[in-house]
N, C-alpha and C. Protein backbone atom coordinates (compact mmCIF):
# COMPACT_ATOMS: atom_id res chain seq x y z
N MET A 1 83.36 114.38 -17.36
CA MET A 1 82.05 113.97 -16.74
C MET A 1 82.00 113.17 -16.24
N ALA A 2 82.60 112.36 -16.44
CA ALA A 2 82.76 110.96 -15.98
C ALA A 2 83.29 110.93 -14.00
N HIS A 3 84.04 112.22 -14.28
CA HIS A 3 84.64 112.77 -12.76
C HIS A 3 83.95 113.18 -12.07
N GLU A 4 82.68 113.64 -12.74
CA GLU A 4 81.73 114.57 -11.81
C GLU A 4 80.86 113.74 -11.11
N HIS A 5 81.11 112.65 -11.99
CA HIS A 5 79.92 111.07 -11.17
C HIS A 5 80.42 110.55 -9.91
N ALA A 6 82.15 110.45 -9.85
CA ALA A 6 83.30 109.97 -9.43
C ALA A 6 82.64 110.60 -8.15
N LYS A 7 82.50 112.14 -8.16
CA LYS A 7 82.59 113.22 -6.74
C LYS A 7 81.30 113.14 -6.13
N GLU A 8 80.44 112.87 -6.98
CA GLU A 8 78.70 113.01 -6.00
C GLU A 8 78.89 111.94 -5.10
N PRO A 9 79.13 110.51 -5.41
CA PRO A 9 78.86 109.53 -4.18
C PRO A 9 80.22 110.51 -3.00
N VAL A 10 81.41 110.29 -2.83
CA VAL A 10 82.17 111.19 -2.10
C VAL A 10 81.54 112.59 -1.69
N ASP A 11 81.00 113.42 -2.44
CA ASP A 11 80.21 114.64 -1.49
C ASP A 11 79.15 114.02 -0.83
N GLU A 12 78.45 112.82 -1.39
CA GLU A 12 77.28 112.62 -0.45
C GLU A 12 77.88 111.62 0.67
N ARG A 13 78.63 111.53 0.78
CA ARG A 13 79.38 110.38 2.00
C ARG A 13 80.01 111.50 2.91
N LEU A 14 80.93 112.27 2.18
CA LEU A 14 81.38 113.36 3.07
C LEU A 14 79.99 113.88 3.71
N GLU A 15 78.82 114.54 2.69
CA GLU A 15 77.77 114.97 3.55
C GLU A 15 77.09 114.15 4.98
N SER A 16 77.04 113.08 4.27
CA SER A 16 76.43 111.96 5.38
C SER A 16 77.57 111.95 7.15
N LEU A 17 79.04 112.00 6.46
CA LEU A 17 79.59 112.26 7.60
C LEU A 17 79.72 113.08 8.44
N LEU A 18 79.44 114.34 7.68
CA LEU A 18 79.54 115.29 8.46
C LEU A 18 77.86 115.86 8.97
N ALA A 19 76.65 115.20 8.57
CA ALA A 19 75.44 114.93 9.22
C ALA A 19 75.62 114.41 10.41
N ASN A 20 76.00 113.44 10.57
CA ASN A 20 76.56 112.21 12.03
C ASN A 20 77.51 113.08 12.58
N GLU A 21 78.37 113.80 12.39
CA GLU A 21 79.36 114.42 13.18
C GLU A 21 78.72 115.89 14.00
N GLN A 22 77.42 116.12 13.19
CA GLN A 22 77.04 117.27 13.42
C GLN A 22 75.83 116.58 14.42
N ARG A 23 75.11 115.70 14.41
CA ARG A 23 74.18 114.47 15.26
C ARG A 23 75.07 114.10 16.46
N LEU A 24 76.29 113.76 16.33
CA LEU A 24 77.11 113.43 17.46
C LEU A 24 77.75 114.59 18.49
N GLU A 25 77.93 115.53 17.90
CA GLU A 25 78.41 117.14 18.75
C GLU A 25 76.73 117.46 19.71
N ALA A 26 76.03 117.24 18.82
CA ALA A 26 74.86 117.69 19.53
C ALA A 26 74.16 116.96 20.55
N ARG A 27 74.86 115.72 20.18
CA ARG A 27 74.09 114.89 21.12
C ARG A 27 75.18 114.92 22.63
N VAL A 28 76.77 115.32 22.34
CA VAL A 28 77.69 115.32 23.46
C VAL A 28 77.02 116.76 23.85
N ARG A 29 76.68 117.95 23.29
CA ARG A 29 75.98 119.28 23.83
C ARG A 29 75.47 118.71 24.88
N ASP A 30 74.12 118.05 24.28
CA ASP A 30 72.96 117.64 24.90
C ASP A 30 73.42 116.70 26.50
N ALA A 31 74.48 116.08 26.26
CA ALA A 31 74.72 114.89 27.37
C ALA A 31 75.45 116.31 28.37
N GLU A 32 76.26 117.11 27.99
CA GLU A 32 77.19 117.67 29.33
C GLU A 32 75.88 118.82 29.13
N ARG A 33 75.23 119.34 29.14
CA ARG A 33 73.80 120.15 29.39
C ARG A 33 73.30 119.22 30.71
N ALA A 34 73.19 117.89 30.21
CA ALA A 34 72.25 117.48 31.19
C ALA A 34 73.14 116.87 32.34
N ALA A 35 74.58 116.91 32.26
CA ALA A 35 75.38 116.48 33.23
C ALA A 35 75.59 117.66 33.83
N ARG A 36 75.58 118.70 33.42
CA ARG A 36 75.89 120.09 34.31
C ARG A 36 74.50 120.49 35.14
N GLU A 37 73.47 120.05 34.35
CA GLU A 37 72.03 120.14 35.20
C GLU A 37 71.97 118.95 36.25
N ARG A 38 72.53 117.50 35.98
CA ARG A 38 72.81 116.64 37.38
C ARG A 38 73.39 117.48 38.19
N VAL A 39 74.54 117.69 38.02
CA VAL A 39 75.27 118.38 38.93
C VAL A 39 74.79 119.41 40.07
N ALA A 40 74.06 120.01 38.95
CA ALA A 40 73.67 121.31 39.85
C ALA A 40 72.91 120.89 40.47
N ALA A 41 71.55 120.07 40.70
CA ALA A 41 70.72 119.62 41.25
C ALA A 41 70.91 118.56 42.17
N ALA A 42 72.27 117.97 42.36
CA ALA A 42 73.08 117.14 43.11
C ALA A 42 73.85 118.10 44.23
N ARG A 43 74.45 119.27 43.65
CA ARG A 43 74.24 120.32 44.74
C ARG A 43 73.79 120.66 45.52
N LYS A 44 72.77 121.40 45.02
CA LYS A 44 71.51 121.82 45.63
C LYS A 44 70.89 121.00 46.90
N ALA A 45 71.06 119.68 46.34
CA ALA A 45 70.04 118.78 47.03
C ALA A 45 71.01 118.53 48.49
N ALA A 46 72.37 118.57 47.88
CA ALA A 46 73.25 118.40 48.94
C ALA A 46 72.90 119.29 50.09
N GLU A 47 73.20 120.74 49.67
CA GLU A 47 73.17 121.96 50.15
C GLU A 47 71.53 121.61 51.13
N GLU A 48 70.59 121.43 50.85
CA GLU A 48 69.78 121.07 51.47
C GLU A 48 69.47 120.28 52.53
N ASN A 49 70.01 119.26 52.29
CA ASN A 49 70.22 118.62 53.26
C ASN A 49 71.21 118.94 54.42
N GLU A 50 72.55 119.37 54.18
CA GLU A 50 73.45 120.12 54.82
C GLU A 50 72.58 121.32 55.72
N ARG A 51 71.71 121.53 54.98
CA ARG A 51 70.77 122.96 55.64
C ARG A 51 69.81 122.00 56.61
N GLU A 52 69.50 120.96 56.60
CA GLU A 52 68.05 119.98 57.21
C GLU A 52 68.45 119.74 58.32
N ARG A 53 70.14 119.26 58.06
CA ARG A 53 71.24 118.73 59.17
C ARG A 53 71.29 119.60 60.13
N LEU A 54 72.05 120.70 59.58
CA LEU A 54 72.43 121.58 60.55
C LEU A 54 70.85 121.96 61.57
N SER A 55 70.00 122.19 61.17
CA SER A 55 68.63 122.20 61.75
C SER A 55 68.51 121.65 62.87
N GLN A 56 68.38 120.12 62.23
CA GLN A 56 67.95 119.27 63.41
C GLN A 56 69.19 118.74 64.79
N VAL A 57 70.42 119.56 64.19
CA VAL A 57 71.65 119.86 65.17
C VAL A 57 71.21 120.74 66.10
N ASP A 58 70.49 121.83 65.25
CA ASP A 58 70.56 123.00 65.80
C ASP A 58 69.28 122.96 67.37
N SER A 59 68.42 122.34 66.70
CA SER A 59 67.13 121.84 67.52
C SER A 59 67.55 120.93 68.49
N ALA A 60 68.18 119.92 68.43
CA ALA A 60 68.72 118.95 69.72
C ALA A 60 69.16 119.73 70.47
N ALA A 61 70.39 120.23 69.87
CA ALA A 61 71.17 121.14 70.45
C ALA A 61 70.79 122.22 71.76
N ARG A 62 69.43 122.94 70.90
CA ARG A 62 68.58 123.75 71.72
C ARG A 62 67.92 122.88 72.90
N ARG A 63 67.23 121.63 72.22
CA ARG A 63 66.21 120.43 73.49
C ARG A 63 67.14 120.40 74.43
N GLU A 64 68.62 119.98 74.25
CA GLU A 64 69.62 119.54 75.09
C GLU A 64 69.69 121.00 76.35
N GLU A 65 70.04 121.72 75.84
CA GLU A 65 70.37 123.19 76.68
C GLU A 65 69.05 123.37 77.58
N GLU A 66 67.64 122.90 76.76
CA GLU A 66 67.02 123.57 77.95
C GLU A 66 66.99 122.35 78.63
N SER A 67 66.86 121.17 78.30
CA SER A 67 66.84 120.62 79.39
C SER A 67 67.78 120.39 80.68
N GLU A 68 69.04 120.72 79.78
CA GLU A 68 69.69 121.17 81.03
C GLU A 68 69.69 122.51 81.85
N ARG A 69 68.71 123.31 81.43
CA ARG A 69 68.23 124.01 82.13
C ARG A 69 67.73 123.70 83.31
N GLU A 70 66.69 123.02 82.77
CA GLU A 70 65.17 122.58 84.24
C GLU A 70 66.00 121.90 84.82
N ARG A 71 67.08 120.77 84.43
CA ARG A 71 67.55 120.17 85.10
C ARG A 71 68.38 121.01 86.74
N THR A 72 69.12 121.84 86.24
CA THR A 72 69.86 123.02 86.95
C THR A 72 68.99 124.03 87.73
N ARG A 73 67.84 124.11 87.21
CA ARG A 73 66.97 124.78 87.77
C ARG A 73 66.21 124.07 88.76
N ARG A 74 65.75 122.77 89.00
CA ARG A 74 65.20 122.03 89.71
C ARG A 74 66.30 121.31 90.77
N GLU A 75 67.68 121.30 90.40
CA GLU A 75 68.54 120.82 91.38
C GLU A 75 69.06 122.21 92.14
N ILE A 76 68.43 123.37 91.98
CA ILE A 76 68.46 124.95 92.67
C ILE A 76 67.81 124.40 93.76
N GLU A 77 66.64 124.72 93.07
CA GLU A 77 65.57 124.80 93.71
C GLU A 77 65.57 123.45 95.24
N ARG A 78 66.13 122.71 94.99
CA ARG A 78 66.39 121.15 95.92
C ARG A 78 67.35 121.92 96.93
N ILE A 79 67.73 122.91 96.61
CA ILE A 79 69.75 123.12 97.39
C ILE A 79 68.54 124.08 98.31
N GLU A 80 67.63 125.23 97.65
CA GLU A 80 66.96 125.89 98.20
C GLU A 80 66.13 125.85 99.23
N ARG A 81 65.37 124.47 98.80
CA ARG A 81 64.87 123.84 99.79
C ARG A 81 65.10 123.01 101.39
N GLU A 82 66.78 122.58 100.54
CA GLU A 82 67.49 122.07 101.88
C GLU A 82 68.18 123.25 102.86
N ALA A 83 68.56 123.79 102.02
CA ALA A 83 68.96 125.27 102.81
C ALA A 83 67.99 125.70 103.25
N ALA A 84 67.01 125.88 103.41
CA ALA A 84 65.63 126.64 104.20
C ALA A 84 65.57 125.65 105.51
N ASP A 85 65.21 124.74 105.20
CA ASP A 85 65.25 123.21 106.46
C ASP A 85 66.16 123.50 107.29
N GLU A 86 67.57 123.29 106.69
CA GLU A 86 68.35 123.35 107.57
C GLU A 86 68.49 124.93 108.55
N ILE A 87 67.97 125.69 107.89
CA ILE A 87 68.11 127.13 108.27
C ILE A 87 67.03 127.01 109.86
N ALA A 88 65.91 126.35 109.14
CA ALA A 88 64.61 126.38 110.22
C ALA A 88 65.14 125.32 111.36
N ARG A 89 65.82 124.39 111.32
CA ARG A 89 66.65 123.68 112.43
C ARG A 89 67.31 124.51 112.94
N LEU A 90 68.30 124.80 112.44
CA LEU A 90 69.60 125.79 113.22
C LEU A 90 68.46 126.67 114.11
N ALA A 91 67.66 127.25 113.28
CA ALA A 91 67.08 128.43 114.00
C ALA A 91 66.54 127.53 115.25
N ALA A 92 66.20 126.88 114.96
CA ALA A 92 64.97 126.34 116.74
C ALA A 92 66.08 125.63 117.39
N GLN A 93 67.30 125.38 117.28
CA GLN A 93 68.02 124.91 118.23
C GLN A 93 68.43 126.18 119.07
N ASP A 94 68.85 126.06 120.23
CA ASP A 94 69.36 127.22 121.34
C ASP A 94 70.68 127.72 120.87
N ASP A 95 70.65 128.66 121.41
CA ASP A 95 72.31 129.34 121.15
C ASP A 95 73.19 128.62 121.71
N ALA A 96 73.68 127.72 122.75
CA ALA A 96 74.54 126.83 123.09
C ALA A 96 74.77 126.05 121.93
N THR A 97 73.94 125.32 121.38
CA THR A 97 73.95 124.10 120.17
C THR A 97 74.59 124.79 119.10
N VAL A 98 73.66 125.98 118.50
CA VAL A 98 74.53 126.33 117.28
C VAL A 98 76.03 127.08 117.50
N GLU A 99 76.41 127.52 119.15
CA GLU A 99 77.50 127.83 119.12
C GLU A 99 78.71 126.46 118.90
N ARG A 100 78.33 125.12 119.69
CA ARG A 100 79.22 124.06 119.63
C ARG A 100 79.05 123.54 118.05
N LEU A 101 78.16 123.68 117.33
CA LEU A 101 78.24 123.04 116.16
C LEU A 101 78.71 124.24 115.12
N ALA A 102 78.96 125.50 115.61
CA ALA A 102 79.50 126.71 114.59
C ALA A 102 81.49 126.32 115.17
N ARG A 103 81.24 126.13 116.40
CA ARG A 103 82.82 125.33 116.21
C ARG A 103 83.48 124.16 115.70
N ARG A 104 82.59 123.08 115.63
CA ARG A 104 82.82 121.84 115.35
C ARG A 104 83.11 122.11 113.76
N LEU A 105 82.37 123.14 113.09
CA LEU A 105 82.40 123.32 111.39
C LEU A 105 83.71 124.13 111.33
N TYR A 106 83.96 124.94 112.18
CA TYR A 106 84.84 126.03 111.98
C TYR A 106 86.60 125.18 112.23
N ALA A 107 86.30 123.99 113.09
CA ALA A 107 87.27 123.34 113.08
C ALA A 107 87.65 122.58 112.54
N ARG A 108 86.59 121.78 111.33
CA ARG A 108 86.92 120.74 110.22
C ARG A 108 87.66 121.70 109.36
N ILE A 109 87.08 122.99 109.07
CA ILE A 109 87.03 123.77 108.08
C ILE A 109 88.03 124.32 107.74
N ALA A 110 88.97 124.55 109.74
CA ALA A 110 90.49 124.99 109.57
C ALA A 110 91.46 123.50 109.53
N GLY A 111 90.68 122.45 110.00
CA GLY A 111 91.23 121.51 109.62
C GLY A 111 92.08 120.81 111.24
N ALA A 112 91.49 121.53 112.48
CA ALA A 112 91.62 121.79 113.61
C ALA A 112 91.09 120.31 114.02
N PRO A 113 91.87 119.30 114.97
CA PRO A 113 91.17 118.25 115.42
C PRO A 113 89.83 118.55 116.71
C-alpha cells in the first residue's frame, strides 16, 4: 500500500502534465485558426485593393481615351474649317490663278523645279 501512495503524486503530475499539454494544444489550434483567419482576411483585402486599383486604372484610361477623342474631334473640326476657308478662298479666284496654283502644287509634289 505504501506503493500506492507513491503512485498518486505521479498520477497527479501526469494528469497535470496532460492537462497542460491539452491546454497548449488548444492554444496552438486557436493560434493556427486565428492565423488562417488573418491570412484569409489579408488575401481578401489584397484582392479588394487590386480590384479597386484596377477600377481606378480603368477609370483613368477611360478619361484619357475620352479626352483624346475630344482633342481629335476638335482637331478634325479645325482642319475642316481651314479646308472650307481654303476652298472658299480658291473658289473666289479666277480660273487662271487657280490653274497657276495647281501647276505650282503639282511641280512641288512631282519634285520639278
